[in-house]
Amino acid sequence: MGRLVIADKPKSRLEVIESNPRRRITPEEVEAGLSAERVVEVPVGGSPFSTYAVRQELFRRLRSTGGRPGINGADIKPKIPMDRRIWKTLEELTKTMEYENFHPTPGQLASIILSDGVTRFLANRRLGEKGINLRADRTDEIAQLVNATLYPTWRKYAEKLVGIGSELFGYAEIPITEKGASDARVVAMALLCRTISNLKGTTILVDAGRIIEARILARSCIENLIYVGALREEGDKFVKEMALDGLANRKALAEILLNRKPKDAEQKWEAPLRAFLRRHKSGQNVKKSLSPKGIARDTMVRDAYVFYAQLSGDSAHPTTDALSRYFVRTKESDRPERGLDMEPLPKATEQIETIKYACEAGLGVCVGVNEIVGGTAVAASIAQAMNEYETITLAQAGSTQVRVQK
């Protein structure tokens, strides 16, 4: 047998001749040197659907070779230095994605996240190389341009999700059991119906310029997603919690009505209410326990509550943030004056943001419900919709990250 002979000589050692390391150049110094400034920047972070999307991509790319399933397409296993805290986070995220016989490893999850990050980095760099040259004082004009370009795309995507949800409703086969309407699969389908209705309403209201009302319905879509997340995790246990929560609400309403009625008048509805309260005495376990924040805390879609809270504060509730949109500044004379506007114009990007939130929640509901009912033939359409979602969000990120050259 021939021997492998290494013929080349060892390379000379690389030596650093500078005694002191040079100071790191800050982004602000680079910005000043290039005479550039930032106009619009999309914040880094996930969406209500991020965890679902990563989990489904993991499921799609994992393949079995007889032992532990590996990532399809991965042909090398390099060693990558990593902060211990980041690895711990990966381990925690991996646990939230486990499902029945699906048990990905932290390394496999890191592979998916790294692959997606490199793809986004290259796409954003190509957009930066196009040399967009716009003035810094045209921020709102840029936002309007982005809105006009991407809103029709999100609008069409919303219609596609409505179609997928309708197909899922038609394809799902749910046998009738002794649980009746308390079956987790039945409740999941009811949440799907509500989500599709809310999504339709959101698009109608956005088209009509009723952005506040549209955001309230988008908030309902996110709330549906939170409930589906809990239903997927806990099944019948969560259905029982929903039933107790509903009973607590009805009991509280009955007590309010009885306490506020005139004491000297007997109403027709009083006897039935008192009978209802006797059947559900205070000693029984009917304490209200459900809230979107509490429900989301232990689910895969826990981050969805952030968006739910945002829409609660700026649209659903009469908070100072929600009311501030009705205050306007006018310049009738030499000095600006404040006033109120009954029909305030929405911000340039609110149309896209609102319908995007509703679509993210709608897609998440379709994914969750499809899993809860045991899978359907619509799974392929859902996977295609997930890929399209990534494409649209990538295009949106590229359109709104603009560095302006003076």
Protein backbone atom coordinates (compact mmCIF):
# COMPACT_ATOMS: atom_id res chain seq x y z
CA MET A 1 0.00 0.00 0.00
CA GLY A 2 1.35 3.44 -0.97
CA ARG A 3 2.14 6.01 1.68
CA LEU A 4 0.89 9.58 1.76
CA VAL A 5 3.94 11.86 1.69
CA ILE A 6 3.64 15.56 2.65
CA ALA A 7 6.14 17.34 0.40
CA ASP A 8 5.66 21.02 1.30
CA LYS A 9 7.57 22.67 4.15
CA PRO A 10 5.98 24.22 7.24
CA LYS A 11 4.97 27.84 6.71
CA SER A 12 6.71 30.55 8.68
CA ARG A 13 4.92 31.74 11.79
CA LEU A 14 2.80 34.86 11.49
CA GLU A 15 4.03 37.53 13.90
CA VAL A 16 2.24 40.68 15.01
CA ILE A 17 4.79 43.52 14.97
CA GLU A 18 2.57 46.19 16.53
CA SER A 19 2.98 46.25 20.30
CA ASN A 20 -0.41 47.78 21.11
CA PRO A 21 -3.79 46.91 19.58
CA ARG A 22 -5.48 49.67 17.61
CA ARG A 23 -8.64 51.31 18.87
CA ARG A 24 -11.90 49.91 17.49
CA ILE A 25 -13.63 52.23 15.00
CA THR A 26 -17.21 52.93 16.04
CA PRO A 27 -20.19 52.88 13.64
CA GLU A 28 -20.67 56.60 14.30
CA GLU A 29 -17.12 57.36 13.09
CA VAL A 30 -17.67 55.33 9.92
CA GLU A 31 -20.98 57.14 9.39
CA ALA A 32 -19.31 60.55 9.76
CA GLY A 33 -16.41 59.62 7.48
CA LEU A 34 -18.74 58.52 4.69
CA SER A 35 -21.04 61.56 5.16
CA ALA A 36 -24.01 59.28 5.63
CA GLU A 37 -26.81 59.11 8.13
CA ARG A 38 -29.52 56.64 9.10
CA VAL A 39 -33.08 57.46 8.10
CA VAL A 40 -35.21 54.42 8.86
CA GLU A 41 -34.30 51.22 10.68
CA VAL A 42 -36.37 48.16 11.44
CA PRO A 43 -35.79 46.97 15.03
CA VAL A 44 -34.17 43.58 15.45
CA GLY A 45 -36.51 40.99 16.93
CA GLY A 46 -39.00 38.25 16.29
CA SER A 47 -42.65 38.27 15.53
CA PRO A 48 -45.55 36.29 16.96
CA PHE A 49 -44.79 33.63 14.37
CA SER A 50 -40.98 33.41 14.61
CA THR A 51 -40.79 30.31 16.81
CA TYR A 52 -43.37 28.44 14.74
CA ALA A 53 -41.48 29.26 11.53
CA VAL A 54 -38.12 28.05 12.88
CA ARG A 55 -39.72 24.89 14.28
CA GLN A 56 -41.39 24.03 10.97
CA GLU A 57 -38.15 24.67 9.08
CA LEU A 58 -36.35 22.32 11.46
CA PHE A 59 -39.01 19.66 10.93
CA ARG A 60 -38.75 20.08 7.15
CA ARG A 61 -34.96 19.83 7.00
CA LEU A 62 -34.35 17.05 9.52
CA ARG A 63 -33.79 13.71 7.82
CA SER A 64 -33.14 10.27 9.29
CA THR A 65 -30.11 8.20 8.29
CA GLY A 66 -30.69 5.31 10.65
CA GLY A 67 -29.54 7.05 13.83
CA ARG A 68 -30.26 10.54 15.09
CA PRO A 69 -31.86 12.63 12.29
CA GLY A 70 -29.52 15.16 10.71
CA ILE A 71 -30.02 18.48 8.91
CA ASN A 72 -30.69 17.91 5.23
CA GLY A 73 -27.97 19.57 3.12
CA ALA A 74 -25.44 19.87 5.95
CA ASP A 75 -22.17 18.28 4.78
CA ILE A 76 -19.65 19.70 7.31
CA LYS A 77 -19.55 20.03 11.09
CA PRO A 78 -17.31 23.01 11.93
CA LYS A 79 -16.49 24.08 15.48
CA ILE A 80 -17.94 27.54 16.14
CA PRO A 81 -16.98 29.50 19.29
CA MET A 82 -20.08 30.50 21.26
CA ASP A 83 -21.00 32.28 24.47
CA ARG A 84 -22.20 29.81 27.11
CA ARG A 85 -25.33 31.90 27.68
CA ILE A 86 -26.25 31.69 23.98
CA TRP A 87 -25.91 27.91 24.06
CA LYS A 88 -28.11 27.79 27.15
CA THR A 89 -30.72 29.85 25.31
CA LEU A 90 -30.55 27.43 22.36
CA GLU A 91 -31.14 24.52 24.73
CA GLU A 92 -34.19 26.25 26.20
CA LEU A 93 -35.59 27.09 22.76
CA THR A 94 -35.07 23.53 21.57
CA LYS A 95 -37.15 22.18 24.45
CA THR A 96 -40.07 24.42 23.47
CA MET A 97 -40.00 22.96 19.94
CA GLU A 98 -40.16 19.30 20.94
CA TYR A 99 -43.30 17.48 19.90
CA GLU A 100 -44.06 13.75 20.14
CA ASN A 101 -41.23 12.05 18.18
CA PHE A 102 -39.70 15.35 17.08
CA HIS A 103 -36.67 16.15 19.30
CA PRO A 104 -34.20 18.56 17.62
CA THR A 105 -30.84 19.33 19.21
CA PRO A 106 -29.47 22.79 20.09
CA GLY A 107 -26.85 22.38 17.37
CA GLN A 108 -29.49 21.68 14.73
CA LEU A 109 -31.47 24.75 15.82
CA ALA A 110 -28.29 26.86 15.66
CA SER A 111 -27.69 25.59 12.10
CA ILE A 112 -31.12 26.80 10.98
CA ILE A 113 -30.75 30.20 12.66
CA LEU A 114 -27.23 30.69 11.24
CA SER A 115 -28.34 29.72 7.73
CA ASP A 116 -31.25 32.17 7.86
CA GLY A 117 -29.05 34.94 9.30
CA VAL A 118 -26.40 34.60 6.58
CA THR A 119 -29.10 34.68 3.90
CA ARG A 120 -30.59 37.86 5.34
CA PHE A 121 -27.15 39.46 5.73
CA LEU A 122 -26.26 38.87 2.07
CA ALA A 123 -29.67 40.13 0.91
CA ASN A 124 -29.35 43.33 2.94
CA ARG A 125 -25.80 43.89 1.68
CA ARG A 126 -26.99 43.59 -1.92
CA LEU A 127 -29.70 46.16 -1.21
CA GLY A 128 -27.09 48.50 0.29
CA GLU A 129 -24.89 48.16 -2.81
CA LYS A 130 -27.70 49.60 -4.95
CA GLY A 131 -26.73 53.03 -3.64
CA ILE A 132 -30.12 54.48 -2.76
CA ASN A 133 -29.66 58.27 -2.70
CA LEU A 134 -32.49 60.05 -0.87
CA ARG A 135 -32.53 63.15 1.33
CA ALA A 136 -32.79 62.70 5.10
CA ASP A 137 -35.81 64.98 5.44
CA ARG A 138 -37.95 62.66 3.30
CA THR A 139 -38.47 59.96 5.95
CA ASP A 140 -42.27 60.07 5.71
CA GLU A 141 -42.07 60.04 1.92
CA ILE A 142 -39.91 56.92 2.09
CA ALA A 143 -42.42 55.28 4.43
CA GLN A 144 -45.27 56.12 2.05
CA LEU A 145 -43.30 54.63 -0.84
CA VAL A 146 -42.69 51.44 1.13
CA ASN A 147 -46.37 51.30 2.08
CA ALA A 148 -47.55 51.75 -1.52
CA THR A 149 -45.15 49.06 -2.71
CA LEU A 150 -45.68 46.38 -0.06
CA TYR A 151 -49.27 46.85 1.12
CA PRO A 152 -50.78 45.19 -2.01
CA THR A 153 -48.45 42.24 -1.38
CA TRP A 154 -49.60 41.83 2.23
CA ARG A 155 -53.21 42.34 1.13
CA LYS A 156 -52.92 39.52 -1.40
CA TYR A 157 -51.16 37.36 1.18
CA ALA A 158 -54.04 37.88 3.63
CA GLU A 159 -56.49 36.65 1.01
CA LYS A 160 -54.31 33.59 0.48
CA LEU A 161 -54.37 32.82 4.21
CA VAL A 162 -58.16 33.11 4.24
CA GLY A 163 -58.24 30.50 1.48
CA ILE A 164 -55.83 28.20 3.33
CA GLY A 165 -57.87 28.50 6.52
CA SER A 166 -61.04 27.65 4.62
CA GLU A 167 -59.35 24.58 3.08
CA LEU A 168 -58.12 23.49 6.50
CA PHE A 169 -61.65 23.76 7.85
CA GLY A 170 -62.92 21.60 4.97
CA TYR A 171 -60.18 18.94 5.04
CA ALA A 172 -59.99 18.37 8.79
CA GLU A 173 -61.65 15.11 9.83
CA ILE A 174 -62.78 15.30 13.45
CA PRO A 175 -64.71 12.29 14.76
CA ILE A 176 -67.61 12.93 17.13
CA THR A 177 -66.70 11.80 20.63
CA GLU A 178 -68.34 11.84 24.05
CA LYS A 179 -66.53 15.15 24.70
CA GLY A 180 -68.68 16.88 22.11
CA ALA A 181 -67.84 20.59 21.80
CA SER A 182 -65.29 20.20 24.63
CA ASP A 183 -62.97 18.20 22.37
CA ALA A 184 -59.72 20.14 21.91
CA ARG A 185 -59.90 19.58 18.15
CA VAL A 186 -63.39 21.08 17.96
CA VAL A 187 -62.27 24.10 19.98
CA ALA A 188 -59.26 24.48 17.67
CA MET A 189 -61.52 24.58 14.62
CA ALA A 190 -63.72 27.19 16.32
CA LEU A 191 -60.62 29.33 16.93
CA LEU A 192 -59.69 28.89 13.26
CA CYS A 193 -63.15 30.13 12.21
CA ARG A 194 -62.85 33.15 14.50
CA THR A 195 -59.36 33.95 13.19
CA ILE A 196 -60.41 33.83 9.54
CA SER A 197 -63.35 36.10 10.34
CA ASN A 198 -61.09 38.53 12.22
CA LEU A 199 -58.54 38.50 9.39
CA LYS A 200 -61.23 39.28 6.82
CA GLY A 201 -62.49 42.13 8.99
CA THR A 202 -58.97 43.52 9.41
CA THR A 203 -58.41 43.77 5.65
CA ILE A 204 -61.82 45.36 5.06
CA LEU A 205 -61.21 48.01 7.71
CA VAL A 206 -57.67 48.77 6.54
CA ASP A 207 -58.95 49.21 2.99
CA ALA A 208 -61.62 51.59 4.31
CA GLY A 209 -59.05 53.66 6.21
CA ARG A 210 -60.42 52.62 9.64
CA ILE A 211 -56.99 51.84 11.01
CA ILE A 212 -57.91 51.93 14.71
CA GLU A 213 -60.75 49.47 14.26
CA ALA A 214 -58.51 47.31 12.04
CA ARG A 215 -55.84 47.17 14.74
CA ILE A 216 -58.43 46.06 17.29
CA LEU A 217 -59.32 43.11 15.06
CA ALA A 218 -55.62 42.36 14.42
CA ARG A 219 -55.31 42.20 18.21
CA SER A 220 -58.10 39.60 18.22
CA CYS A 221 -56.14 37.54 15.68
CA ILE A 222 -53.11 37.58 17.99
CA GLU A 223 -55.29 36.61 20.96
CA ASN A 224 -56.59 33.65 18.93
CA LEU A 225 -52.99 32.62 18.25
CA ILE A 226 -52.21 32.72 21.98
CA TYR A 227 -55.21 30.47 22.69
CA VAL A 228 -54.20 28.05 19.93
CA GLY A 229 -50.68 27.92 21.37
CA ALA A 230 -52.04 26.97 24.79
CA LEU A 231 -54.48 24.47 23.27
CA ARG A 232 -51.64 22.79 21.39
CA GLU A 233 -49.55 22.54 24.57
CA GLU A 234 -52.24 21.45 27.07
CA GLY A 235 -55.15 20.08 25.03
CA ASP A 236 -58.21 19.11 27.09
CA LYS A 237 -56.73 20.66 30.24
CA PHE A 238 -56.83 24.09 28.63
CA VAL A 239 -60.36 23.48 27.35
CA LYS A 240 -61.45 22.90 30.97
CA GLU A 241 -59.72 26.12 32.01
CA MET A 242 -61.60 27.96 29.24
CA ALA A 243 -64.88 26.52 30.50
CA LEU A 244 -64.17 27.59 34.10
CA ASP A 245 -63.17 31.04 32.88
CA GLY A 246 -66.44 31.38 30.97
CA LEU A 247 -68.40 30.25 34.00
CA ALA A 248 -66.61 32.79 36.20
CA ASN A 249 -67.47 35.57 33.74
CA ARG A 250 -71.15 34.62 33.68
CA LYS A 251 -71.24 34.38 37.48
CA ALA A 252 -69.67 37.83 37.87
CA LEU A 253 -72.14 39.35 35.38
CA ALA A 254 -75.09 37.76 37.22
CA GLU A 255 -73.91 39.20 40.52
CA ILE A 256 -73.51 42.66 38.99
CA LEU A 257 -77.04 42.60 37.58
CA LEU A 258 -78.57 41.47 40.85
CA ASN A 259 -76.67 44.06 42.89
CA ARG A 260 -77.66 46.94 40.62
CA LYS A 261 -81.39 46.18 40.27
CA PRO A 262 -83.94 48.27 42.20
CA LYS A 263 -84.51 46.60 45.58
CA ASP A 264 -88.27 47.24 45.53
CA ALA A 265 -88.87 45.71 42.11
CA GLU A 266 -88.90 42.02 41.20
CA GLN A 267 -87.70 41.42 37.66
CA LYS A 268 -88.57 38.40 35.49
CA TRP A 269 -84.94 37.51 35.00
CA GLU A 270 -84.05 37.67 38.70
CA ALA A 271 -85.22 34.15 39.65
CA PRO A 272 -83.27 32.37 36.88
CA LEU A 273 -80.12 34.33 37.82
CA ARG A 274 -80.42 33.45 41.49
CA ALA A 275 -80.95 29.81 40.57
CA PHE A 276 -77.80 29.95 38.41
CA LEU A 277 -75.78 31.40 41.29
CA ARG A 278 -77.09 28.73 43.68
CA ARG A 279 -75.91 26.02 41.30
CA HIS A 280 -72.45 27.60 41.25
CA LYS A 281 -71.79 28.61 44.81
CA SER A 282 -68.77 30.69 45.68
CA GLY A 283 -67.09 27.69 47.29
CA GLN A 284 -66.82 25.94 43.94
CA ASN A 285 -63.79 26.34 41.72
CA VAL A 286 -65.07 28.96 39.30
CA LYS A 287 -62.38 31.57 39.87
CA LYS A 288 -61.43 33.42 36.70
CA SER A 289 -57.89 32.40 35.81
CA LEU A 290 -57.33 33.18 32.14
CA SER A 291 -55.71 36.27 30.65
CA PRO A 292 -53.77 36.61 27.38
CA LYS A 293 -50.58 37.40 29.31
CA GLY A 294 -50.94 34.38 31.59
CA ILE A 295 -51.93 32.06 28.76
CA ALA A 296 -49.03 33.07 26.53
CA ARG A 297 -46.40 32.74 29.27
CA ASP A 298 -45.86 28.98 28.95
CA THR A 299 -46.41 28.52 25.22
CA MET A 300 -44.29 28.62 22.07
CA VAL A 301 -45.95 31.89 21.09
CA ARG A 302 -45.21 33.72 24.35
CA ASP A 303 -43.71 36.67 22.42
CA ALA A 304 -47.07 37.26 20.76
CA TYR A 305 -48.26 38.95 23.91
CA VAL A 306 -45.86 41.85 23.26
CA PHE A 307 -47.71 42.66 20.05
CA TYR A 308 -51.07 42.05 21.71
CA ALA A 309 -50.15 44.55 24.44
CA GLN A 310 -48.98 47.08 21.86
CA LEU A 311 -52.30 47.00 20.01
CA SER A 312 -54.18 47.11 23.33
CA GLY A 313 -52.39 50.30 24.28
CA ASP A 314 -52.47 52.20 21.00
CA SER A 315 -55.92 51.19 19.71
CA ALA A 316 -58.12 48.84 21.76
CA HIS A 317 -58.17 50.85 25.03
CA PRO A 318 -58.70 54.62 25.51
CA THR A 319 -55.16 55.17 26.77
CA THR A 320 -53.21 58.39 26.36
CA ASP A 321 -51.32 56.75 23.47
CA ALA A 322 -54.57 55.80 21.75
CA LEU A 323 -56.08 59.28 22.23
CA SER A 324 -52.92 61.11 21.15
CA ARG A 325 -53.58 60.32 17.49
CA TYR A 326 -56.58 62.69 17.61
CA PHE A 327 -54.40 65.62 18.66
CA VAL A 328 -52.96 67.51 15.71
CA ARG A 329 -50.84 70.59 15.12
CA THR A 330 -51.98 73.21 12.66
CA LYS A 331 -50.43 76.46 11.44
CA GLU A 332 -53.26 78.84 10.67
CA SER A 333 -51.16 81.91 11.51
CA ASP A 334 -47.53 82.60 12.27
CA ARG A 335 -47.47 80.24 15.22
CA PRO A 336 -48.49 76.56 15.37
CA GLU A 337 -51.71 75.69 17.17
CA ARG A 338 -52.99 72.45 18.62
CA GLY A 339 -56.36 70.99 17.81
CA LEU A 340 -58.46 67.84 17.52
CA ASP A 341 -59.20 65.86 14.37
CA MET A 342 -62.17 63.47 14.26
CA GLU A 343 -60.71 61.63 11.26
CA PRO A 344 -56.93 61.56 11.81
CA LEU A 345 -54.85 60.14 9.01
CA PRO A 346 -53.06 56.88 9.85
CA LYS A 347 -49.28 56.84 9.91
CA ALA A 348 -47.67 55.92 6.62
CA THR A 349 -46.60 52.46 7.78
CA GLU A 350 -49.62 51.55 9.93
CA GLN A 351 -51.49 49.88 7.10
CA ILE A 352 -48.68 47.40 6.49
CA GLU A 353 -47.97 46.89 10.19
CA THR A 354 -51.61 46.18 10.99
CA ILE A 355 -52.26 43.69 8.22
CA LYS A 356 -48.84 42.10 8.84
CA TYR A 357 -49.70 41.45 12.49
CA ALA A 358 -53.02 39.90 11.48
CA CYS A 359 -51.36 37.72 8.82
CA GLU A 360 -48.64 36.51 11.20
CA ALA A 361 -51.25 35.48 13.71
CA GLY A 362 -53.43 33.90 11.01
CA LEU A 363 -50.53 31.85 9.71
CA GLY A 364 -49.62 30.75 13.22
CA VAL A 365 -53.21 29.68 13.88
CA CYS A 366 -53.24 27.59 10.68
CA VAL A 367 -50.00 25.86 11.68
CA GLY A 368 -51.20 25.20 15.22
CA VAL A 369 -54.68 24.00 14.28
CA ASN A 370 -53.27 21.68 11.61
CA GLU A 371 -51.07 20.06 14.27
CA ILE A 372 -53.88 19.83 16.84
CA VAL A 373 -56.22 17.99 14.45
CA GLY A 374 -53.47 15.52 13.53
CA GLY A 375 -52.40 16.94 10.17
CA THR A 376 -54.27 17.43 6.90
CA ALA A 377 -53.63 17.62 3.18
CA VAL A 378 -53.38 21.41 3.58
CA ALA A 379 -49.95 21.04 5.23
CA ALA A 380 -48.19 21.60 1.89
CA SER A 381 -50.10 24.85 1.31
CA ILE A 382 -49.24 26.00 4.83
CA ALA A 383 -45.53 25.26 4.23
CA GLN A 384 -45.68 27.25 0.98
CA ALA A 385 -47.35 30.13 2.81
CA MET A 386 -44.56 30.06 5.41
CA ASN A 387 -41.92 30.37 2.70
CA GLU A 388 -43.85 33.22 1.10
CA TYR A 389 -44.09 34.94 4.49
CA GLU A 390 -40.30 34.83 4.85
CA THR A 391 -39.89 36.27 1.35
CA ILE A 392 -42.25 39.17 2.02
CA THR A 393 -40.74 40.03 5.40
CA LEU A 394 -37.24 39.92 3.91
CA ALA A 395 -38.34 42.28 1.14
CA GLN A 396 -39.93 44.59 3.71
CA ALA A 397 -36.78 44.64 5.84
CA GLY A 398 -34.70 45.49 2.80
CA SER A 399 -37.08 48.28 1.80
CA THR A 400 -37.08 49.95 5.20
CA GLN A 401 -33.38 49.75 6.03
CA VAL A 402 -32.23 52.78 4.08
CA ARG A 403 -28.90 54.53 4.54
CA VAL A 404 -29.06 57.98 3.01
CA GLN A 405 -26.12 59.53 1.19
CA LYS A 406 -25.85 63.34 1.39
